Amino acid sequence: MMPTQGVFDGFAPAAPVQSLFFALLPDAPARGSIARLTDALRSEHDLHGHRIDPARYHLTLHYLGESAGPRQDVEMRAAAAAKTVRSEAFDVTLDNAVSFRGRDDKPCVLRSSERAAPLHALWRELGTALAKVGLSRHLDREFAPHVTIGYDPKSILAVSIAPLTWAAVEFLLIRSVRGQARHEVLGRFPLGIDGGRLRQHPDGECNDFALR
């Protein structure tokens, strides 16, 4: 009997595709509200496509592209840039649902009908910091904040929803591996800076988070 060979000579298994991005995450009550709203929208609009796991709900601030395997240099530079951000904590409010166009399985998202100044200020400050460490080629020039709740061939025209709000007290650097149903948090960066000092978080902690 020939021995089992996991990899043919000369051929290494392809590294999984990984994405890197900064995001805000809704807290547990907001995730529950978003999940219940998703159920209602799917029923009302007869949607049967892929739905996002509530554990993966997020609002992307900056997407830093994808690669085959980790990009430790990019991760370290991104984390260093994030540590220089000095934005205040603020509330995120979502008050309408809509489907984006441009693909067969259209993203169904929640977003705000009004421009939130603190959120856009954080996006701009983080983008400036990332550009200073040589990551400007990854940055978008426009920002359309939203939380994706699923994908479906059918579309939802913009509809109002009861406002969903959570307090953004930190932003995160996240690695997502294609085919894996989870996000890996690489770094947490607190919001709420007062005179160079971190304000105390609701859980009583006041830490400077570093890339793990």
Protein backbone atom coordinates (compact mmCIF):
# COMPACT_ATOMS: atom_id res chain seq x y z
CA MET A 1 0.00 0.00 0.00
CA MET A 2 1.36 3.42 -0.94
CA PRO A 3 1.67 5.90 1.92
CA THR A 4 -0.92 8.64 2.14
CA GLN A 5 0.41 11.90 0.79
CA GLY A 6 -1.41 15.09 1.77
CA VAL A 7 0.33 17.36 -0.73
CA PHE A 8 1.63 16.44 -4.18
CA ASP A 9 5.34 17.06 -4.67
CA GLY A 10 5.90 20.59 -5.90
CA PHE A 11 2.40 21.78 -5.00
CA ALA A 12 1.64 23.58 -1.74
CA PRO A 13 -1.95 24.14 -0.64
CA ALA A 14 -3.22 27.60 -1.50
CA ALA A 15 -3.35 30.00 1.43
CA PRO A 16 -6.89 31.12 2.29
CA VAL A 17 -7.88 34.58 1.12
CA GLN A 18 -7.94 37.04 3.99
CA SER A 19 -9.46 40.50 4.23
CA LEU A 20 -8.41 43.27 6.61
CA PHE A 21 -10.58 46.17 7.72
CA PHE A 22 -11.40 48.64 10.48
CA ALA A 23 -14.96 48.60 11.77
CA LEU A 24 -17.42 49.56 14.47
CA LEU A 25 -19.32 46.67 16.05
CA PRO A 26 -22.86 46.98 17.43
CA ASP A 27 -23.23 45.98 21.05
CA ALA A 28 -25.23 42.93 22.14
CA PRO A 29 -28.64 44.68 22.43
CA ALA A 30 -28.16 46.29 19.01
CA ARG A 31 -27.16 42.95 17.47
CA GLY A 32 -30.37 41.43 18.84
CA SER A 33 -32.46 44.27 17.44
CA ILE A 34 -30.77 44.00 14.04
CA ALA A 35 -31.37 40.23 13.96
CA ARG A 36 -35.07 40.67 14.77
CA LEU A 37 -35.40 43.39 12.16
CA THR A 38 -33.69 41.12 9.63
CA ASP A 39 -36.28 38.42 10.31
CA ALA A 40 -39.07 40.94 9.78
CA LEU A 41 -37.60 42.31 6.54
CA ARG A 42 -37.02 38.83 5.12
CA SER A 43 -40.61 37.89 5.86
CA GLU A 44 -42.13 41.14 4.61
CA HIS A 45 -40.11 41.24 1.37
CA ASP A 46 -39.97 37.47 0.76
CA LEU A 47 -36.18 37.26 0.94
CA HIS A 48 -34.57 33.82 0.99
CA GLY A 49 -30.91 34.56 0.29
CA HIS A 50 -27.89 34.40 2.58
CA ARG A 51 -28.23 36.19 5.90
CA ILE A 52 -25.30 37.46 7.93
CA ASP A 53 -24.61 35.82 11.29
CA PRO A 54 -25.35 38.43 14.00
CA ALA A 55 -21.86 37.83 15.43
CA ARG A 56 -20.47 39.30 12.20
CA TYR A 57 -22.55 42.49 12.02
CA HIS A 58 -20.23 45.44 11.56
CA LEU A 59 -19.96 48.93 10.09
CA THR A 60 -16.79 49.18 8.00
CA LEU A 61 -14.68 52.31 8.44
CA HIS A 62 -11.80 51.46 6.10
CA TYR A 63 -11.23 48.31 4.04
CA LEU A 64 -7.56 47.45 3.55
CA GLY A 65 -7.89 44.87 0.79
CA GLU A 66 -7.38 41.13 0.68
CA SER A 67 -4.46 38.77 0.27
CA ALA A 68 -3.47 35.11 0.28
CA GLY A 69 -2.42 34.70 3.89
CA PRO A 70 -1.70 37.28 6.60
CA ARG A 71 -0.03 40.62 5.87
CA GLN A 72 1.76 41.24 9.14
CA ASP A 73 3.52 44.39 7.95
CA VAL A 74 0.21 45.95 6.87
CA GLU A 75 -1.44 44.84 10.10
CA MET A 76 1.29 46.42 12.22
CA ARG A 77 1.25 49.70 10.30
CA ALA A 78 -2.55 49.83 10.44
CA ALA A 79 -2.51 49.27 14.20
CA ALA A 80 0.13 51.94 14.70
CA ALA A 81 -1.98 54.40 12.73
CA ALA A 82 -5.10 53.54 14.71
CA LYS A 83 -3.34 54.29 18.00
CA THR A 84 -2.91 57.92 16.94
CA VAL A 85 -6.66 58.51 16.47
CA ARG A 86 -8.17 60.88 19.05
CA SER A 87 -11.89 60.86 18.26
CA GLU A 88 -14.69 61.13 20.77
CA ALA A 89 -17.17 58.36 21.50
CA PHE A 90 -20.55 58.84 19.82
CA ASP A 91 -23.86 57.14 19.03
CA VAL A 92 -24.48 55.25 15.79
CA THR A 93 -28.08 55.33 14.57
CA LEU A 94 -29.56 53.29 11.70
CA ASP A 95 -33.02 54.27 10.51
CA ASN A 96 -33.60 52.78 7.05
CA ALA A 97 -33.07 49.57 5.08
CA VAL A 98 -32.20 49.29 1.39
CA SER A 99 -30.57 46.98 -1.15
CA PHE A 100 -27.42 48.07 -2.96
CA ARG A 101 -27.28 47.43 -6.69
CA GLY A 102 -24.58 46.08 -8.96
CA ARG A 103 -24.58 42.31 -8.41
CA ASP A 104 -26.90 39.32 -8.63
CA ASP A 105 -26.99 38.77 -4.87
CA LYS A 106 -27.64 42.31 -3.76
CA PRO A 107 -26.42 43.41 -0.32
CA CYS A 108 -29.30 44.30 1.97
CA VAL A 109 -28.09 46.94 4.42
CA LEU A 110 -29.13 49.18 7.25
CA ARG A 111 -27.97 52.78 7.16
CA SER A 112 -28.76 56.26 8.41
CA SER A 113 -30.78 58.83 6.50
CA GLU A 114 -28.67 61.64 7.98
CA ARG A 115 -24.94 62.29 7.82
CA ALA A 116 -23.48 61.62 11.27
CA ALA A 117 -20.71 64.18 11.80
CA PRO A 118 -18.77 62.25 14.52
CA LEU A 119 -18.77 59.06 12.44
CA HIS A 120 -17.48 60.84 9.35
CA ALA A 121 -14.90 62.66 11.45
CA LEU A 122 -13.59 59.31 12.72
CA TRP A 123 -13.46 57.98 9.14
CA ARG A 124 -11.48 61.02 7.99
CA GLU A 125 -9.05 60.99 10.93
CA LEU A 126 -8.38 57.27 10.61
CA GLY A 127 -7.92 57.62 6.85
CA THR A 128 -5.39 60.41 7.35
CA ALA A 129 -3.48 58.30 9.87
CA LEU A 130 -3.44 55.31 7.51
CA ALA A 131 -2.17 57.46 4.66
CA LYS A 132 0.73 58.63 6.85
CA VAL A 133 1.92 55.03 7.28
CA GLY A 134 1.80 54.30 3.56
CA LEU A 135 -1.63 52.65 3.25
CA SER A 136 -3.37 55.30 1.18
CA ARG A 137 -3.71 53.07 -1.90
CA HIS A 138 -6.28 50.98 -0.04
CA LEU A 139 -8.51 53.89 0.99
CA ASP A 140 -11.83 54.89 -0.55
CA ARG A 141 -12.51 58.56 -1.18
CA GLU A 142 -16.19 58.23 -0.29
CA PHE A 143 -17.86 56.86 2.81
CA ALA A 144 -21.34 55.32 2.84
CA PRO A 145 -21.67 53.86 6.35
CA HIS A 146 -23.91 50.80 6.61
CA VAL A 147 -24.38 47.42 8.28
CA THR A 148 -24.94 44.52 5.86
CA ILE A 149 -27.56 42.05 7.08
CA GLY A 150 -27.73 39.70 4.08
CA TYR A 151 -27.64 39.11 0.33
CA ASP A 152 -30.57 38.35 -1.95
CA PRO A 153 -31.45 38.44 -5.67
CA LYS A 154 -34.49 40.51 -4.73
CA SER A 155 -34.20 44.18 -3.90
CA ILE A 156 -35.56 46.28 -1.08
CA LEU A 157 -36.31 49.87 -1.97
CA ALA A 158 -35.39 52.27 0.82
CA VAL A 159 -37.79 51.81 3.73
CA SER A 160 -37.82 53.53 7.11
CA ILE A 161 -37.27 51.45 10.23
CA ALA A 162 -37.55 52.22 13.92
CA PRO A 163 -34.17 53.80 14.75
CA LEU A 164 -31.52 51.40 16.06
CA THR A 165 -28.82 53.04 18.17
CA TRP A 166 -25.67 51.88 19.93
CA ALA A 167 -22.79 53.72 21.59
CA ALA A 168 -19.54 53.50 19.65
CA VAL A 169 -16.83 53.46 22.34
CA GLU A 170 -14.14 51.70 20.31
CA PHE A 171 -13.22 50.71 16.78
CA LEU A 172 -11.52 47.46 15.79
CA LEU A 173 -8.99 46.08 13.33
CA ILE A 174 -10.43 42.83 12.00
CA ARG A 175 -9.14 39.98 9.85
CA SER A 176 -11.72 37.95 7.94
CA VAL A 177 -10.76 34.62 6.34
CA ARG A 178 -12.82 33.52 3.34
CA GLY A 179 -14.83 30.40 4.12
CA GLN A 180 -14.66 30.85 7.88
CA ALA A 181 -17.76 32.02 9.71
CA ARG A 182 -15.97 34.31 12.10
CA HIS A 183 -13.97 37.50 12.35
CA GLU A 184 -10.62 37.64 14.13
CA VAL A 185 -10.12 40.81 16.13
CA LEU A 186 -6.50 41.95 15.82
CA GLY A 187 -6.79 45.18 17.78
CA ARG A 188 -9.26 47.31 19.75
CA PHE A 189 -8.85 51.08 19.88
CA PRO A 190 -10.89 53.15 22.34
CA LEU A 191 -12.85 56.27 21.46
CA GLY A 192 -13.34 59.06 23.96
CA ILE A 193 -10.08 60.92 24.39
CA ASP A 194 -9.88 63.86 26.79
CA GLY A 195 -6.62 65.75 26.97
CA GLY A 196 -4.60 62.73 25.94
CA ARG A 197 -6.23 60.54 28.59
CA LEU A 198 -8.62 57.71 27.84
CA ARG A 199 -12.10 58.07 29.27
CA GLN A 200 -13.32 55.18 31.34
CA HIS A 201 -15.30 52.58 29.41
CA PRO A 202 -18.76 51.46 30.58
CA ASP A 203 -17.29 48.20 31.89
CA GLY A 204 -14.95 50.14 34.15
CA GLU A 205 -11.80 49.44 32.14
CA CYS A 206 -9.57 52.08 30.63
CA ASN A 207 -6.99 50.31 28.51
CA ASP A 208 -4.81 51.10 25.53
CA PHE A 209 -5.40 48.16 23.23
CA ALA A 210 -2.49 46.83 21.16
CA LEU A 211 -2.32 44.54 18.15
CA ARG A 212 -2.34 40.96 19.36
